[in-house]
Amino acid sequence: MSRFLAIGECMVELAQTGPDTYRRGFAGDTFNTAWYARRCLPDSWDVTYATAVGTDATSAEMLRFIEGEGITPAVREIPDRTVGLYMIATENGERSFSYWRSHSAARMLGEDTDWLAATFASADMIHVSGITLAILPPDQRVRLCNALRSSPATVSFDTNLRPRLWDNEREMKRGLTLGASAASIVLPSFDEETALFGDATPAHTIARYREAGAHIIAVKNGAEALTLATPDGITEIEVEPVDEVVDSTAAGDSFAARFLAGLAQNEPPEKAARAAMRLAAQVIGAPGALVPNIFSGDTQ
C-alpha cells in the first residue's frame, strides 16, 4: 500500500457560525491537507497524520476523530502537554485567528530523531508546512528538515506564512528557505512571498525556490492566475470566478491535497493543478476548514 503522510499540528478549532456562536472541531493546516487527501486518493493509499499529543482527554478525543476520518495517526504522546486551540472569526470571507498553543505537544515534534526516521521510512509522499516549522525551536526545525532529506519520499512544502509564529523576519526567511531545501515540491502564496522577500512577480518566487532545489513550484495568487513551474517550463493557469467567498479557511490546504494526490497518481502537473483549483473554489464557498458535503459531486 502506498502512503501519503502529513506532519504538523492538529488543533481544537472553534469556528464562528453566528455573532456569538462557535462550532468546535479539529483542524490545522497540514491536517486539513491530510483530510482532503484521504478523499482525493483511492483506498490503495494509506493517509497518515504524524503529530504529537498529550495524554489528556482532549488529546485522546482528537486521535479518535483522526481515526474516524479514515486517517492513520502516527503519534508521539508527551505527558504534561496537550493540543493547541484556535478560534476563527470571519468577515466578508476573510479570517482572523486567535491562538492558544503554548502547551501544545506538537511544539516538540522535532525532538526525537529516531521517531522521525521511523515515521518517514514507509512514506511515499510527505507534506509539511511553514507553520509546522514555525512552532518548533530552531534546533528541532533543523532535525525535522534533515529527517525529510534522509527520507526516500517525495517531499512537499507549503510555505504557509504566519509571521506571529516566528521570532523575527530573519528567522522566518531562514526557516522557509530551510523547509524548501528539504522539498522537491513547493507551494508558496505570492502575496506572502512579496511581503517577506519582496518578490516583484511569481517568476522571482519560482527562481528562488528552484535555487533551493524544488522541481515543481505552484505559486498561488488569490483570484489571479496560478503560476505552475515544472522541469518542462512555466504555465499560467487562470482562476475560474467564484460566486461567493464564504470562508477562505483551508483554501490552500485543500489545493495542496488535490494537487499532491494527482501528482502521486502520475497525473500531469497542469491537470492536477486545475483539479486542485476547482476543489479549493468549492471549499471557500462553505464555512469551516473541513467541508465533507462537496465530495458528493465531482471534484476530479
C-alpha atoms as a PDB file:
ATOM      1  CA  MET A   1       0.000   0.000   0.000  1.00  0.00           C
ATOM      2  CA  SER A   2       1.283   3.468  -0.896  1.00  0.00           C
ATOM      3  CA  ARG A   3       1.402   6.065   1.883  1.00  0.00           C
ATOM      4  CA  PHE A   4       0.734   9.802   1.934  1.00  0.00           C
ATOM      5  CA  LEU A   5       1.964  11.356   5.173  1.00  0.00           C
ATOM      6  CA  ALA A   6       1.414  14.858   6.509  1.00  0.00           C
ATOM      7  CA  ILE A   7       3.182  16.118   9.608  1.00  0.00           C
ATOM      8  CA  GLY A   8       2.291  19.027  11.832  1.00  0.00           C
ATOM      9  CA  GLU A   9      -0.149  20.252  14.437  1.00  0.00           C
ATOM     10  CA  CYS A  10      -3.828  19.350  14.654  1.00  0.00           C
ATOM     11  CA  MET A  11      -5.691  21.696  16.982  1.00  0.00           C
ATOM     12  CA  VAL A  12      -9.089  22.204  18.540  1.00  0.00           C
ATOM     13  CA  GLU A  13     -10.897  24.587  16.186  1.00  0.00           C
ATOM     14  CA  LEU A  14     -13.638  26.992  17.236  1.00  0.00           C
ATOM     15  CA  ALA A  15     -15.238  28.296  14.024  1.00  0.00           C
ATOM     16  CA  GLN A  16     -17.727  31.148  14.104  1.00  0.00           C
ATOM     17  CA  THR A  17     -21.230  30.186  12.959  1.00  0.00           C
ATOM     18  CA  GLY A  18     -23.067  33.289  14.193  1.00  0.00           C
ATOM     19  CA  PRO A  19     -22.459  36.561  16.062  1.00  0.00           C
ATOM     20  CA  ASP A  20     -21.963  34.776  19.396  1.00  0.00           C
ATOM     21  CA  THR A  21     -21.844  31.128  18.329  1.00  0.00           C
ATOM     22  CA  TYR A  22     -18.868  28.866  17.571  1.00  0.00           C
ATOM     23  CA  ARG A  23     -18.681  25.242  16.414  1.00  0.00           C
ATOM     24  CA  ARG A  24     -15.947  23.048  17.842  1.00  0.00           C
ATOM     25  CA  GLY A  25     -13.939  20.756  15.614  1.00  0.00           C
ATOM     26  CA  PHE A  26     -10.377  19.627  14.982  1.00  0.00           C
ATOM     27  CA  ALA A  27      -8.218  21.117  12.232  1.00  0.00           C
ATOM     28  CA  GLY A  28      -4.825  22.564  11.354  1.00  0.00           C
ATOM     29  CA  ASP A  29      -3.130  23.292   8.054  1.00  0.00           C
ATOM     30  CA  THR A  30      -1.306  20.023   7.372  1.00  0.00           C
ATOM     31  CA  PHE A  31      -4.090  18.011   8.990  1.00  0.00           C
ATOM     32  CA  ASN A  32      -6.568  19.699   6.658  1.00  0.00           C
ATOM     33  CA  THR A  33      -4.403  18.591   3.736  1.00  0.00           C
ATOM     34  CA  ALA A  34      -4.362  15.015   5.045  1.00  0.00           C
ATOM     35  CA  TRP A  35      -8.163  15.118   5.465  1.00  0.00           C
ATOM     36  CA  TYR A  36      -8.724  16.263   1.888  1.00  0.00           C
ATOM     37  CA  ALA A  37      -6.043  13.888   0.581  1.00  0.00           C
ATOM     38  CA  ARG A  38      -7.927  10.977   2.145  1.00  0.00           C
ATOM     39  CA  ARG A  39     -10.913  11.925  -0.006  1.00  0.00           C
ATOM     40  CA  CYS A  40      -8.863  12.536  -3.141  1.00  0.00           C
ATOM     41  CA  LEU A  41      -6.770   9.350  -3.029  1.00  0.00           C
ATOM     42  CA  PRO A  42      -8.022   5.807  -3.688  1.00  0.00           C
ATOM     43  CA  ASP A  43      -8.212   3.139  -0.976  1.00  0.00           C
ATOM     44  CA  SER A  44      -4.915   1.709  -2.206  1.00  0.00           C
ATOM     45  CA  TRP A  45      -3.283   4.697  -0.494  1.00  0.00           C
ATOM     46  CA  ASP A  46      -2.924   4.961   3.261  1.00  0.00           C
ATOM     47  CA  VAL A  47      -3.121   8.537   4.551  1.00  0.00           C
ATOM     48  CA  THR A  48      -1.165   9.086   7.767  1.00  0.00           C
ATOM     49  CA  TYR A  49      -1.012  12.112  10.030  1.00  0.00           C
ATOM     50  CA  ALA A  50       2.119  12.471  12.150  1.00  0.00           C
ATOM     51  CA  THR A  51       1.875  14.678  15.208  1.00  0.00           C
ATOM     52  CA  ALA A  52       2.476  14.867  18.950  1.00  0.00           C
ATOM     53  CA  VAL A  53      -0.275  14.990  21.559  1.00  0.00           C
ATOM     54  CA  GLY A  54      -0.643  14.953  25.306  1.00  0.00           C
ATOM     55  CA  THR A  55      -2.109  12.212  27.481  1.00  0.00           C
ATOM     56  CA  ASP A  56      -5.233  14.182  28.428  1.00  0.00           C
ATOM     57  CA  ALA A  57      -8.844  13.581  27.418  1.00  0.00           C
ATOM     58  CA  THR A  58      -8.852  16.202  24.640  1.00  0.00           C
ATOM     59  CA  SER A  59      -5.789  14.624  23.016  1.00  0.00           C
ATOM     60  CA  ALA A  60      -7.454  11.205  23.143  1.00  0.00           C
ATOM     61  CA  GLU A  61     -10.627  12.618  21.614  1.00  0.00           C
ATOM     62  CA  MET A  62      -8.645  14.203  18.802  1.00  0.00           C
ATOM     63  CA  LEU A  63      -6.956  10.879  17.993  1.00  0.00           C
ATOM     64  CA  ARG A  64     -10.358   9.183  17.852  1.00  0.00           C
ATOM     65  CA  PHE A  65     -11.508  11.890  15.462  1.00  0.00           C
ATOM     66  CA  ILE A  66      -8.467  11.401  13.211  1.00  0.00           C
ATOM     67  CA  GLU A  67      -9.006   7.651  13.042  1.00  0.00           C
ATOM     68  CA  GLY A  68     -12.730   8.137  12.469  1.00  0.00           C
ATOM     69  CA  GLU A  69     -11.915  10.208   9.379  1.00  0.00           C
ATOM     70  CA  GLY A  70     -10.007   7.288   7.861  1.00  0.00           C
ATOM     71  CA  ILE A  71      -6.572   8.700   8.642  1.00  0.00           C
ATOM     72  CA  THR A  72      -3.847   6.701  10.368  1.00  0.00           C
ATOM     73  CA  PRO A  73      -2.305   8.563  13.329  1.00  0.00           C
ATOM     74  CA  ALA A  74       1.465   8.358  13.810  1.00  0.00           C
ATOM     75  CA  VAL A  75       1.765   9.876  17.242  1.00  0.00           C
ATOM     76  CA  ARG A  76       4.206  10.777  19.977  1.00  0.00           C
ATOM     77  CA  GLU A  77       2.468  11.098  23.337  1.00  0.00           C
ATOM     78  CA  ILE A  78       4.085  13.645  25.649  1.00  0.00           C
ATOM     79  CA  PRO A  79       2.925  13.789  29.293  1.00  0.00           C
ATOM     80  CA  ASP A  80       2.055  17.204  30.744  1.00  0.00           C
ATOM     81  CA  ARG A  81       1.296  18.541  27.273  1.00  0.00           C
ATOM     82  CA  THR A  82      -1.991  18.883  25.401  1.00  0.00           C
ATOM     83  CA  VAL A  83      -3.243  20.039  21.986  1.00  0.00           C
ATOM     84  CA  GLY A  84      -3.474  23.649  20.864  1.00  0.00           C
ATOM     85  CA  LEU A  85      -6.681  25.604  20.334  1.00  0.00           C
ATOM     86  CA  TYR A  86      -7.558  28.322  17.854  1.00  0.00           C
ATOM     87  CA  MET A  87     -10.640  30.430  17.192  1.00  0.00           C
ATOM     88  CA  ILE A  88     -11.672  31.757  13.786  1.00  0.00           C
ATOM     89  CA  ALA A  89     -13.771  34.833  13.211  1.00  0.00           C
ATOM     90  CA  THR A  90     -14.758  35.690   9.639  1.00  0.00           C
ATOM     91  CA  GLU A  91     -15.836  38.907   7.960  1.00  0.00           C
ATOM     92  CA  ASN A  92     -16.621  39.061   4.241  1.00  0.00           C
ATOM     93  CA  GLY A  93     -14.982  35.668   3.817  1.00  0.00           C
ATOM     94  CA  GLU A  94     -11.687  36.733   5.385  1.00  0.00           C
ATOM     95  CA  ARG A  95     -10.356  35.123   8.543  1.00  0.00           C
ATOM     96  CA  SER A  96      -8.932  36.389  11.778  1.00  0.00           C
ATOM     97  CA  PHE A  97      -7.355  33.955  14.235  1.00  0.00           C
ATOM     98  CA  SER A  98      -6.779  33.775  17.968  1.00  0.00           C
ATOM     99  CA  TYR A  99      -4.458  31.022  19.240  1.00  0.00           C
ATOM    100  CA  TRP A 100      -3.779  29.192  22.496  1.00  0.00           C
ATOM    101  CA  ARG A 101      -0.898  26.775  21.860  1.00  0.00           C
ATOM    102  CA  SER A 102       1.806  27.414  24.489  1.00  0.00           C
ATOM    103  CA  HIS A 103       1.408  23.866  25.915  1.00  0.00           C
ATOM    104  CA  SER A 104       0.876  22.136  22.576  1.00  0.00           C
ATOM    105  CA  ALA A 105       2.693  18.807  22.359  1.00  0.00           C
ATOM    106  CA  ALA A 106       3.243  19.416  18.639  1.00  0.00           C
ATOM    107  CA  ARG A 107       5.852  22.031  19.539  1.00  0.00           C
ATOM    108  CA  MET A 108       8.084  19.039  20.393  1.00  0.00           C
ATOM    109  CA  LEU A 109       7.636  17.284  17.025  1.00  0.00           C
ATOM    110  CA  GLY A 110      11.301  17.525  16.096  1.00  0.00           C
ATOM    111  CA  GLU A 111      12.668  16.345  19.439  1.00  0.00           C
ATOM    112  CA  ASP A 112      13.001  12.605  18.700  1.00  0.00           C
ATOM    113  CA  THR A 113      15.050  11.926  15.559  1.00  0.00           C
ATOM    114  CA  ASP A 114      14.546   8.145  15.812  1.00  0.00           C
ATOM    115  CA  TRP A 115      10.777   8.644  15.814  1.00  0.00           C
ATOM    116  CA  LEU A 116      11.010  10.941  12.803  1.00  0.00           C
ATOM    117  CA  ALA A 117      13.142   8.462  10.850  1.00  0.00           C
ATOM    118  CA  ALA A 118      10.823   5.562  11.641  1.00  0.00           C
ATOM    119  CA  THR A 119       7.717   7.600  10.820  1.00  0.00           C
ATOM    120  CA  PHE A 120       9.057   8.784   7.460  1.00  0.00           C
ATOM    121  CA  ALA A 121      10.577   5.448   6.414  1.00  0.00           C
ATOM    122  CA  SER A 122       7.420   3.959   4.888  1.00  0.00           C
ATOM    123  CA  ALA A 123       6.060   7.134   3.265  1.00  0.00           C
ATOM    124  CA  ASP A 124       5.873   7.665  -0.494  1.00  0.00           C
ATOM    125  CA  MET A 125       4.936  11.325  -0.184  1.00  0.00           C
ATOM    126  CA  ILE A 126       5.377  13.653   2.812  1.00  0.00           C
ATOM    127  CA  HIS A 127       3.717  17.029   3.249  1.00  0.00           C
ATOM    128  CA  VAL A 128       4.966  19.681   5.683  1.00  0.00           C
ATOM    129  CA  SER A 129       4.360  23.405   6.063  1.00  0.00           C
ATOM    130  CA  GLY A 130       5.881  26.641   7.227  1.00  0.00           C
ATOM    131  CA  ILE A 131       3.550  26.512  10.230  1.00  0.00           C
ATOM    132  CA  THR A 132       4.975  23.131  11.217  1.00  0.00           C
ATOM    133  CA  LEU A 133       8.475  24.625  11.159  1.00  0.00           C
ATOM    134  CA  ALA A 134       7.440  27.867  12.858  1.00  0.00           C
ATOM    135  CA  ILE A 135       6.138  26.215  16.028  1.00  0.00           C
ATOM    136  CA  LEU A 136       9.403  24.302  16.578  1.00  0.00           C
ATOM    137  CA  PRO A 137      12.534  25.526  18.358  1.00  0.00           C
ATOM    138  CA  PRO A 138      15.325  26.218  15.820  1.00  0.00           C
ATOM    139  CA  ASP A 139      17.279  23.028  16.607  1.00  0.00           C
ATOM    140  CA  GLN A 140      14.177  20.862  16.157  1.00  0.00           C
ATOM    141  CA  ARG A 141      13.419  22.662  12.893  1.00  0.00           C
ATOM    142  CA  VAL A 142      16.805  21.550  11.575  1.00  0.00           C
ATOM    143  CA  ARG A 143      16.315  17.971  12.806  1.00  0.00           C
ATOM    144  CA  LEU A 144      12.939  17.715  11.089  1.00  0.00           C
ATOM    145  CA  CYS A 145      14.295  19.005   7.782  1.00  0.00           C
ATOM    146  CA  ASN A 146      17.303  16.681   7.984  1.00  0.00           C
ATOM    147  CA  ALA A 147      14.911  13.763   8.506  1.00  0.00           C
ATOM    148  CA  LEU A 148      12.896  14.874   5.472  1.00  0.00           C
ATOM    149  CA  ARG A 149      16.051  14.984   3.348  1.00  0.00           C
ATOM    150  CA  SER A 150      17.015  11.498   4.502  1.00  0.00           C
ATOM    151  CA  SER A 151      13.608  10.071   3.647  1.00  0.00           C
ATOM    152  CA  PRO A 152      13.137   8.298   0.295  1.00  0.00           C
ATOM    153  CA  ALA A 153       9.735  10.016  -0.056  1.00  0.00           C
ATOM    154  CA  THR A 154       8.768  12.865  -2.325  1.00  0.00           C
ATOM    155  CA  VAL A 155       8.530  15.890  -0.016  1.00  0.00           C
ATOM    156  CA  SER A 156       6.074  18.759  -0.433  1.00  0.00           C
ATOM    157  CA  PHE A 157       6.440  22.074   1.411  1.00  0.00           C
ATOM    158  CA  ASP A 158       3.626  24.614   1.705  1.00  0.00           C
ATOM    159  CA  THR A 159       5.279  27.857   2.839  1.00  0.00           C
ATOM    160  CA  ASN A 160       2.071  28.929   4.677  1.00  0.00           C
ATOM    161  CA  LEU A 161       3.444  32.059   6.286  1.00  0.00           C
ATOM    162  CA  ARG A 162       2.293  33.065   9.781  1.00  0.00           C
ATOM    163  CA  PRO A 163       4.559  35.930  10.923  1.00  0.00           C
ATOM    164  CA  ARG A 164       3.310  35.873  14.522  1.00  0.00           C
ATOM    165  CA  LEU A 165       4.702  32.362  14.975  1.00  0.00           C
ATOM    166  CA  TRP A 166       8.269  33.412  14.140  1.00  0.00           C
ATOM    167  CA  ASP A 167      10.657  35.254  16.432  1.00  0.00           C
ATOM    168  CA  ASN A 168      11.632  37.750  13.743  1.00  0.00           C
ATOM    169  CA  GLU A 169      11.778  38.261   9.987  1.00  0.00           C
ATOM    170  CA  ARG A 170      15.289  36.882   9.689  1.00  0.00           C
ATOM    171  CA  GLU A 171      14.273  33.589  11.335  1.00  0.00           C
ATOM    172  CA  MET A 172      11.182  33.435   9.143  1.00  0.00           C
ATOM    173  CA  LYS A 173      13.218  33.793   5.947  1.00  0.00           C
ATOM    174  CA  ARG A 174      15.752  31.251   7.177  1.00  0.00           C
ATOM    175  CA  GLY A 175      13.027  28.796   8.188  1.00  0.00           C
ATOM    176  CA  LEU A 176      11.162  28.953   4.882  1.00  0.00           C
ATOM    177  CA  THR A 177      14.385  28.545   2.926  1.00  0.00           C
ATOM    178  CA  LEU A 178      15.313  25.574   5.111  1.00  0.00           C
ATOM    179  CA  GLY A 179      11.942  23.923   4.532  1.00  0.00           C
ATOM    180  CA  ALA A 180      12.109  24.477   0.786  1.00  0.00           C
ATOM    181  CA  SER A 181      15.607  22.999   0.652  1.00  0.00           C
ATOM    182  CA  ALA A 182      14.205  19.711   2.001  1.00  0.00           C
ATOM    183  CA  ALA A 183      11.423  19.511  -0.600  1.00  0.00           C
ATOM    184  CA  SER A 184      11.056  18.783  -4.291  1.00  0.00           C
ATOM    185  CA  ILE A 185       7.559  20.377  -4.434  1.00  0.00           C
ATOM    186  CA  VAL A 186       6.977  23.890  -3.053  1.00  0.00           C
ATOM    187  CA  LEU A 187       3.572  25.568  -2.759  1.00  0.00           C
ATOM    188  CA  PRO A 188       4.003  29.301  -1.983  1.00  0.00           C
ATOM    189  CA  SER A 189       1.437  32.119  -1.983  1.00  0.00           C
ATOM    190  CA  PHE A 190       2.585  35.136  -3.949  1.00  0.00           C
ATOM    191  CA  ASP A 191       1.246  37.801  -1.576  1.00  0.00           C
ATOM    192  CA  GLU A 192       3.213  36.238   1.275  1.00  0.00           C
ATOM    193  CA  GLU A 193       6.361  35.947  -0.823  1.00  0.00           C
ATOM    194  CA  THR A 194       6.095  39.593  -1.820  1.00  0.00           C
ATOM    195  CA  ALA A 195       5.623  40.684   1.787  1.00  0.00           C
ATOM    196  CA  LEU A 196       8.588  38.680   3.097  1.00  0.00           C
ATOM    197  CA  PHE A 197      11.076  38.525   0.219  1.00  0.00           C
ATOM    198  CA  GLY A 198       9.980  41.493  -1.896  1.00  0.00           C
ATOM    199  CA  ASP A 199       9.225  39.373  -4.969  1.00  0.00           C
ATOM    200  CA  ALA A 200       8.000  41.544  -7.847  1.00  0.00           C
ATOM    201  CA  THR A 201       6.500  38.684  -9.884  1.00  0.00           C
ATOM    202  CA  PRO A 202       5.769  34.963  -9.450  1.00  0.00           C
ATOM    203  CA  ALA A 203       8.808  34.339 -11.641  1.00  0.00           C
ATOM    204  CA  HIS A 204      11.010  35.728  -8.866  1.00  0.00           C
ATOM    205  CA  THR A 205       9.369  33.352  -6.388  1.00  0.00           C
ATOM    206  CA  ILE A 206       9.929  30.429  -8.738  1.00  0.00           C
ATOM    207  CA  ALA A 207      13.580  31.326  -9.301  1.00  0.00           C
ATOM    208  CA  ARG A 208      14.296  31.411  -5.570  1.00  0.00           C
ATOM    209  CA  TYR A 209      12.673  28.053  -4.851  1.00  0.00           C
ATOM    210  CA  ARG A 210      14.308  26.460  -7.874  1.00  0.00           C
ATOM    211  CA  GLU A 211      17.624  27.604  -6.470  1.00  0.00           C
ATOM    212  CA  ALA A 212      16.669  25.927  -3.168  1.00  0.00           C
ATOM    213  CA  GLY A 213      16.205  22.654  -5.077  1.00  0.00           C
ATOM    214  CA  ALA A 214      12.490  22.385  -5.894  1.00  0.00           C
ATOM    215  CA  HIS A 215      11.427  20.680  -9.123  1.00  0.00           C
ATOM    216  CA  ILE A 216       7.738  21.656  -9.063  1.00  0.00           C
ATOM    217  CA  ILE A 217       6.518  25.028  -7.765  1.00  0.00           C
ATOM    218  CA  ALA A 218       2.879  26.155  -7.786  1.00  0.00           C
ATOM    219  CA  VAL A 219       2.612  29.851  -6.923  1.00  0.00           C
ATOM    220  CA  LYS A 220      -0.907  30.622  -5.715  1.00  0.00           C
ATOM    221  CA  ASN A 221      -2.088  34.198  -6.184  1.00  0.00           C
ATOM    222  CA  GLY A 222      -5.642  34.521  -4.856  1.00  0.00           C
ATOM    223  CA  ALA A 223      -8.057  35.345  -7.658  1.00  0.00           C
ATOM    224  CA  GLU A 224      -5.162  35.912 -10.079  1.00  0.00           C
ATOM    225  CA  ALA A 225      -3.653  33.199 -12.267  1.00  0.00           C
ATOM    226  CA  LEU A 226      -1.725  30.384 -10.637  1.00  0.00           C
ATOM    227  CA  THR A 227       1.838  30.092 -11.947  1.00  0.00           C
ATOM    228  CA  LEU A 228       2.998  26.491 -12.268  1.00  0.00           C
ATOM    229  CA  ALA A 229       6.680  25.704 -12.794  1.00  0.00           C
ATOM    230  CA  THR A 230       7.884  22.208 -13.700  1.00  0.00           C
ATOM    231  CA  PRO A 231      11.103  20.951 -15.311  1.00  0.00           C
ATOM    232  CA  ASP A 232       9.285  21.382 -18.644  1.00  0.00           C
ATOM    233  CA  GLY A 233       8.610  25.105 -18.211  1.00  0.00           C
ATOM    234  CA  ILE A 234       6.258  27.661 -16.655  1.00  0.00           C
ATOM    235  CA  THR A 235       2.486  27.800 -17.233  1.00  0.00           C
ATOM    236  CA  GLU A 236      -0.106  30.307 -16.038  1.00  0.00           C
ATOM    237  CA  ILE A 237      -3.498  28.846 -15.163  1.00  0.00           C
ATOM    238  CA  GLU A 238      -6.413  31.251 -14.877  1.00  0.00           C
ATOM    239  CA  VAL A 239      -8.662  31.022 -11.834  1.00  0.00           C
ATOM    240  CA  GLU A 240     -12.342  30.388 -12.502  1.00  0.00           C
ATOM    241  CA  PRO A 241     -14.607  33.025 -10.890  1.00  0.00           C
ATOM    242  CA  VAL A 242     -16.194  32.124  -7.541  1.00  0.00           C
ATOM    243  CA  ASP A 243     -19.743  33.298  -6.857  1.00  0.00           C
ATOM    244  CA  GLU A 244     -19.207  33.962  -3.158  1.00  0.00           C
ATOM    245  CA  VAL A 245     -16.313  33.559  -0.747  1.00  0.00           C
ATOM    246  CA  VAL A 246     -17.890  32.355   2.483  1.00  0.00           C
ATOM    247  CA  ASP A 247     -14.726  31.308   4.316  1.00  0.00           C
ATOM    248  CA  SER A 248     -11.214  31.135   2.876  1.00  0.00           C
ATOM    249  CA  THR A 249     -10.053  28.715   5.587  1.00  0.00           C
ATOM    250  CA  ALA A 250      -8.254  25.667   4.108  1.00  0.00           C
ATOM    251  CA  ALA A 251      -8.232  27.004   0.548  1.00  0.00           C
ATOM    252  CA  GLY A 252      -4.505  26.355   0.243  1.00  0.00           C
ATOM    253  CA  ASP A 253      -4.677  23.148   2.270  1.00  0.00           C
ATOM    254  CA  SER A 254      -7.320  21.615   0.000  1.00  0.00           C
ATOM    255  CA  PHE A 255      -5.420  22.805  -3.079  1.00  0.00           C
ATOM    256  CA  ALA A 256      -2.310  21.036  -1.782  1.00  0.00           C
ATOM    257  CA  ALA A 257      -4.256  17.832  -1.133  1.00  0.00           C
ATOM    258  CA  ARG A 258      -5.746  17.539  -4.609  1.00  0.00           C
ATOM    259  CA  PHE A 259      -2.576  18.706  -6.360  1.00  0.00           C
ATOM    260  CA  LEU A 260      -0.387  16.229  -4.478  1.00  0.00           C
ATOM    261  CA  ALA A 261      -2.936  13.427  -4.880  1.00  0.00           C
ATOM    262  CA  GLY A 262      -2.823  13.992  -8.618  1.00  0.00           C
ATOM    263  CA  LEU A 263       0.976  14.004  -8.745  1.00  0.00           C
ATOM    264  CA  ALA A 264       1.100  10.885  -6.563  1.00  0.00           C
ATOM    265  CA  GLN A 265      -1.039   9.098  -9.163  1.00  0.00           C
ATOM    266  CA  ASN A 266       1.092  10.361 -12.072  1.00  0.00           C
ATOM    267  CA  GLU A 267      -1.325  12.999 -13.343  1.00  0.00           C
ATOM    268  CA  PRO A 268       0.312  15.709 -15.439  1.00  0.00           C
ATOM    269  CA  PRO A 269       1.025  18.663 -13.117  1.00  0.00           C
ATOM    270  CA  GLU A 270      -1.218  21.072 -15.045  1.00  0.00           C
ATOM    271  CA  LYS A 271      -4.181  18.683 -14.864  1.00  0.00           C
ATOM    272  CA  ALA A 272      -3.582  18.161 -11.134  1.00  0.00           C
ATOM    273  CA  ALA A 273      -3.360  21.927 -10.580  1.00  0.00           C
ATOM    274  CA  ARG A 274      -6.618  22.630 -12.401  1.00  0.00           C
ATOM    275  CA  ALA A 275      -8.445  19.988 -10.374  1.00  0.00           C
ATOM    276  CA  ALA A 276      -6.901  21.372  -7.182  1.00  0.00           C
ATOM    277  CA  MET A 277      -8.116  24.873  -8.037  1.00  0.00           C
ATOM    278  CA  ARG A 278     -11.653  23.568  -8.567  1.00  0.00           C
ATOM    279  CA  LEU A 279     -11.614  21.841  -5.195  1.00  0.00           C
ATOM    280  CA  ALA A 280     -10.305  24.948  -3.416  1.00  0.00           C
ATOM    281  CA  ALA A 281     -13.044  27.026  -5.057  1.00  0.00           C
ATOM    282  CA  GLN A 282     -15.662  24.707  -3.561  1.00  0.00           C
ATOM    283  CA  VAL A 283     -14.026  24.785  -0.142  1.00  0.00           C
ATOM    284  CA  ILE A 284     -14.086  28.588   0.135  1.00  0.00           C
ATOM    285  CA  GLY A 285     -17.798  28.557  -0.674  1.00  0.00           C
ATOM    286  CA  ALA A 286     -18.595  26.872   2.646  1.00  0.00           C
ATOM    287  CA  PRO A 287     -17.817  27.643   6.307  1.00  0.00           C
ATOM    288  CA  GLY A 288     -15.041  25.893   8.236  1.00  0.00           C
ATOM    289  CA  ALA A 289     -11.826  24.132   7.322  1.00  0.00           C
ATOM    290  CA  LEU A 290     -13.260  20.678   6.538  1.00  0.00           C
ATOM    291  CA  VAL A 291     -16.172  20.554   4.092  1.00  0.00           C
ATOM    292  CA  PRO A 292     -17.435  16.980   3.631  1.00  0.00           C
ATOM    293  CA  ASN A 293     -20.549  17.626   1.526  1.00  0.00           C
ATOM    294  CA  ILE A 294     -18.622  18.856  -1.531  1.00  0.00           C
ATOM    295  CA  PHE A 295     -17.443  15.295  -2.140  1.00  0.00           C
ATOM    296  CA  SER A 296     -20.919  14.155  -3.103  1.00  0.00           C
ATOM    297  CA  GLY A 297     -20.238  15.719  -6.505  1.00  0.00           C
ATOM    298  CA  ASP A 298     -17.339  15.694  -8.949  1.00  0.00           C
ATOM    299  CA  THR A 299     -14.131  17.169  -7.544  1.00  0.00           C
ATOM    300  CA  GLN A 300     -11.863  15.457 -10.014  1.00  0.00           C
END
